[in-house]
Amino acid sequence: DSDEKTIDFAWKRWRDESGKVMNALRAGIPVPAPKAPALVIIGEKDTDIAPATSRAIASYLKADVHEYAGMS
């Protein structure tokens, strides 16, 4: 939902991670839930992190959730 100038700025600076890093992430990395309160913000139309995934993370963290309808 960014303007073209912001998208262009970010795109030129994007760096892909190595395959080894991506494979490690896909395999899962155990992360203890923080002891501090957490907030998960969900965009209804997010295509990078599915809302269902964000809800599962929020549940795991016992986090507050704020969902934005129609946002990516």
N, C-alpha and C. Protein backbone atom coordinates (compact mmCIF):
# COMPACT_ATOMS: atom_id res chain seq x y z
N ASP A 1 0.81 -1.19 0.00
CA ASP A 1 0.00 0.00 0.00
C ASP A 1 0.86 1.26 0.00
N SER A 2 2.14 1.12 -0.33
CA SER A 2 3.04 2.27 -0.35
C SER A 2 2.96 3.01 -1.67
N ASP A 3 3.45 4.24 -1.66
CA ASP A 3 3.50 4.99 -2.91
C ASP A 3 4.67 4.48 -3.75
N GLU A 4 4.68 4.83 -5.02
CA GLU A 4 5.69 4.32 -5.96
C GLU A 4 7.11 4.68 -5.54
N LYS A 5 7.32 5.86 -5.00
CA LYS A 5 8.66 6.29 -4.57
C LYS A 5 9.19 5.37 -3.46
N THR A 6 8.33 5.04 -2.50
CA THR A 6 8.73 4.17 -1.39
C THR A 6 9.01 2.75 -1.88
N ILE A 7 8.15 2.26 -2.77
CA ILE A 7 8.35 0.92 -3.33
C ILE A 7 9.68 0.85 -4.08
N ASP A 8 9.97 1.85 -4.90
CA ASP A 8 11.21 1.88 -5.67
C ASP A 8 12.42 1.93 -4.74
N PHE A 9 12.34 2.73 -3.68
CA PHE A 9 13.42 2.84 -2.71
C PHE A 9 13.71 1.48 -2.08
N ALA A 10 12.67 0.80 -1.61
CA ALA A 10 12.84 -0.49 -0.94
C ALA A 10 13.32 -1.57 -1.91
N TRP A 11 12.76 -1.59 -3.12
CA TRP A 11 13.10 -2.62 -4.09
C TRP A 11 14.58 -2.58 -4.46
N LYS A 12 15.13 -1.39 -4.63
CA LYS A 12 16.54 -1.26 -5.01
C LYS A 12 17.47 -1.72 -3.90
N ARG A 13 17.00 -1.77 -2.67
CA ARG A 13 17.84 -2.13 -1.54
C ARG A 13 17.57 -3.55 -1.03
N TRP A 14 16.63 -4.26 -1.66
CA TRP A 14 16.27 -5.62 -1.24
C TRP A 14 17.42 -6.57 -1.51
N ARG A 15 17.69 -7.44 -0.59
CA ARG A 15 18.74 -8.45 -0.75
C ARG A 15 18.14 -9.81 -0.41
N ASP A 16 18.26 -10.76 -1.32
CA ASP A 16 17.79 -12.11 -1.05
C ASP A 16 18.75 -12.81 -0.09
N GLU A 17 18.19 -13.60 0.78
CA GLU A 17 19.01 -14.38 1.71
C GLU A 17 19.54 -15.62 1.00
N SER A 18 20.58 -16.21 1.57
CA SER A 18 21.14 -17.42 0.98
C SER A 18 20.15 -18.57 1.13
N GLY A 19 20.28 -19.55 0.27
CA GLY A 19 19.42 -20.74 0.33
C GLY A 19 19.54 -21.45 1.67
N LYS A 20 20.74 -21.49 2.25
CA LYS A 20 20.94 -22.16 3.54
C LYS A 20 20.12 -21.48 4.64
N VAL A 21 20.11 -20.16 4.63
CA VAL A 21 19.33 -19.42 5.63
C VAL A 21 17.84 -19.69 5.43
N MET A 22 17.39 -19.63 4.18
CA MET A 22 15.97 -19.85 3.90
C MET A 22 15.55 -21.27 4.29
N ASN A 23 16.40 -22.26 4.02
CA ASN A 23 16.09 -23.65 4.41
C ASN A 23 16.00 -23.79 5.92
N ALA A 24 16.90 -23.13 6.64
CA ALA A 24 16.87 -23.19 8.10
C ALA A 24 15.59 -22.57 8.64
N LEU A 25 15.19 -21.44 8.07
CA LEU A 25 13.96 -20.80 8.50
C LEU A 25 12.74 -21.68 8.22
N ARG A 26 12.73 -22.29 7.03
CA ARG A 26 11.59 -23.14 6.66
C ARG A 26 11.50 -24.35 7.59
N ALA A 27 12.65 -24.86 8.04
CA ALA A 27 12.67 -26.02 8.93
C ALA A 27 12.13 -25.67 10.32
N GLY A 28 12.18 -24.39 10.64
CA GLY A 28 11.66 -23.94 11.93
C GLY A 28 12.77 -23.65 12.92
N ILE A 29 12.62 -22.57 13.60
CA ILE A 29 13.59 -22.17 14.62
C ILE A 29 12.81 -21.99 15.92
N PRO A 30 13.15 -22.77 16.94
CA PRO A 30 12.43 -22.63 18.20
C PRO A 30 12.69 -21.25 18.82
N VAL A 31 11.62 -20.57 19.14
CA VAL A 31 11.72 -19.25 19.74
C VAL A 31 10.83 -19.20 20.97
N PRO A 32 11.40 -18.94 22.13
CA PRO A 32 10.56 -18.85 23.32
C PRO A 32 9.68 -17.61 23.24
N ALA A 33 8.49 -17.72 23.76
CA ALA A 33 7.59 -16.57 23.78
C ALA A 33 8.16 -15.51 24.71
N PRO A 34 8.07 -14.25 24.32
CA PRO A 34 8.58 -13.20 25.21
C PRO A 34 7.71 -13.08 26.46
N LYS A 35 8.29 -12.59 27.51
CA LYS A 35 7.54 -12.41 28.75
C LYS A 35 6.78 -11.09 28.75
N ALA A 36 7.17 -10.19 27.87
CA ALA A 36 6.50 -8.89 27.78
C ALA A 36 5.24 -9.04 26.92
N PRO A 37 4.28 -8.15 27.10
CA PRO A 37 3.09 -8.18 26.24
C PRO A 37 3.49 -8.03 24.77
N ALA A 38 2.73 -8.66 23.90
CA ALA A 38 3.02 -8.61 22.46
C ALA A 38 1.77 -8.18 21.70
N LEU A 39 2.00 -7.61 20.55
CA LEU A 39 0.93 -7.19 19.66
C LEU A 39 1.24 -7.72 18.27
N VAL A 40 0.28 -8.38 17.65
CA VAL A 40 0.41 -8.84 16.27
C VAL A 40 -0.57 -8.04 15.42
N ILE A 41 -0.02 -7.39 14.40
CA ILE A 41 -0.83 -6.58 13.49
C ILE A 41 -1.01 -7.37 12.20
N ILE A 42 -2.26 -7.53 11.76
CA ILE A 42 -2.57 -8.38 10.62
C ILE A 42 -3.26 -7.56 9.54
N GLY A 43 -2.71 -7.65 8.33
CA GLY A 43 -3.37 -7.08 7.16
C GLY A 43 -4.21 -8.17 6.50
N GLU A 44 -5.48 -7.91 6.34
CA GLU A 44 -6.41 -8.92 5.81
C GLU A 44 -5.95 -9.47 4.46
N LYS A 45 -5.31 -8.64 3.64
CA LYS A 45 -4.90 -9.07 2.30
C LYS A 45 -3.39 -9.30 2.19
N ASP A 46 -2.73 -9.54 3.30
CA ASP A 46 -1.28 -9.77 3.27
C ASP A 46 -0.99 -11.05 2.50
N THR A 47 -0.12 -10.97 1.50
CA THR A 47 0.24 -12.15 0.72
C THR A 47 1.60 -12.70 1.11
N ASP A 48 2.35 -11.98 1.95
CA ASP A 48 3.66 -12.46 2.40
C ASP A 48 3.52 -13.32 3.65
N ILE A 49 2.70 -12.87 4.58
CA ILE A 49 2.42 -13.65 5.79
C ILE A 49 0.90 -13.77 5.87
N ALA A 50 0.42 -14.97 5.63
CA ALA A 50 -1.02 -15.20 5.61
C ALA A 50 -1.64 -14.82 6.95
N PRO A 51 -2.81 -14.20 6.93
CA PRO A 51 -3.47 -13.86 8.19
C PRO A 51 -3.60 -15.05 9.15
N ALA A 52 -3.84 -16.24 8.61
CA ALA A 52 -3.95 -17.42 9.47
C ALA A 52 -2.64 -17.68 10.21
N THR A 53 -1.52 -17.46 9.54
CA THR A 53 -0.21 -17.64 10.18
C THR A 53 -0.03 -16.61 11.28
N SER A 54 -0.40 -15.37 11.00
CA SER A 54 -0.29 -14.32 12.02
C SER A 54 -1.17 -14.62 13.22
N ARG A 55 -2.36 -15.14 12.97
CA ARG A 55 -3.25 -15.51 14.08
C ARG A 55 -2.64 -16.63 14.92
N ALA A 56 -2.00 -17.60 14.25
CA ALA A 56 -1.36 -18.71 14.98
C ALA A 56 -0.21 -18.19 15.83
N ILE A 57 0.57 -17.25 15.29
CA ILE A 57 1.66 -16.65 16.06
C ILE A 57 1.10 -15.90 17.26
N ALA A 58 0.04 -15.13 17.04
CA ALA A 58 -0.58 -14.38 18.13
C ALA A 58 -1.07 -15.33 19.22
N SER A 59 -1.64 -16.44 18.81
CA SER A 59 -2.13 -17.41 19.78
C SER A 59 -0.97 -17.97 20.60
N TYR A 60 0.12 -18.34 19.91
CA TYR A 60 1.31 -18.88 20.58
C TYR A 60 1.87 -17.88 21.59
N LEU A 61 1.88 -16.60 21.19
CA LEU A 61 2.45 -15.56 22.05
C LEU A 61 1.46 -15.04 23.09
N LYS A 62 0.20 -15.48 22.98
CA LYS A 62 -0.86 -14.91 23.82
C LYS A 62 -0.88 -13.39 23.65
N ALA A 63 -0.74 -12.98 22.39
CA ALA A 63 -0.61 -11.56 22.04
C ALA A 63 -1.96 -10.92 21.76
N ASP A 64 -2.00 -9.61 21.91
CA ASP A 64 -3.13 -8.84 21.43
C ASP A 64 -3.05 -8.84 19.91
N VAL A 65 -4.19 -8.71 19.26
CA VAL A 65 -4.25 -8.73 17.79
C VAL A 65 -5.01 -7.50 17.30
N HIS A 66 -4.46 -6.87 16.28
CA HIS A 66 -5.19 -5.80 15.59
C HIS A 66 -5.21 -6.15 14.11
N GLU A 67 -6.37 -6.31 13.54
CA GLU A 67 -6.48 -6.64 12.12
C GLU A 67 -6.97 -5.44 11.33
N TYR A 68 -6.34 -5.21 10.19
CA TYR A 68 -6.72 -4.14 9.28
C TYR A 68 -7.44 -4.75 8.08
N ALA A 69 -8.72 -4.48 7.96
CA ALA A 69 -9.52 -4.98 6.84
C ALA A 69 -9.07 -4.32 5.55
N GLY A 70 -8.93 -5.12 4.51
CA GLY A 70 -8.61 -4.60 3.19
C GLY A 70 -7.18 -4.17 2.99
N MET A 71 -6.30 -4.36 3.97
CA MET A 71 -4.91 -3.93 3.86
C MET A 71 -4.00 -5.11 3.55
N SER A 72 -2.88 -4.81 2.90
CA SER A 72 -1.88 -5.84 2.63
C SER A 72 -0.75 -5.72 3.63
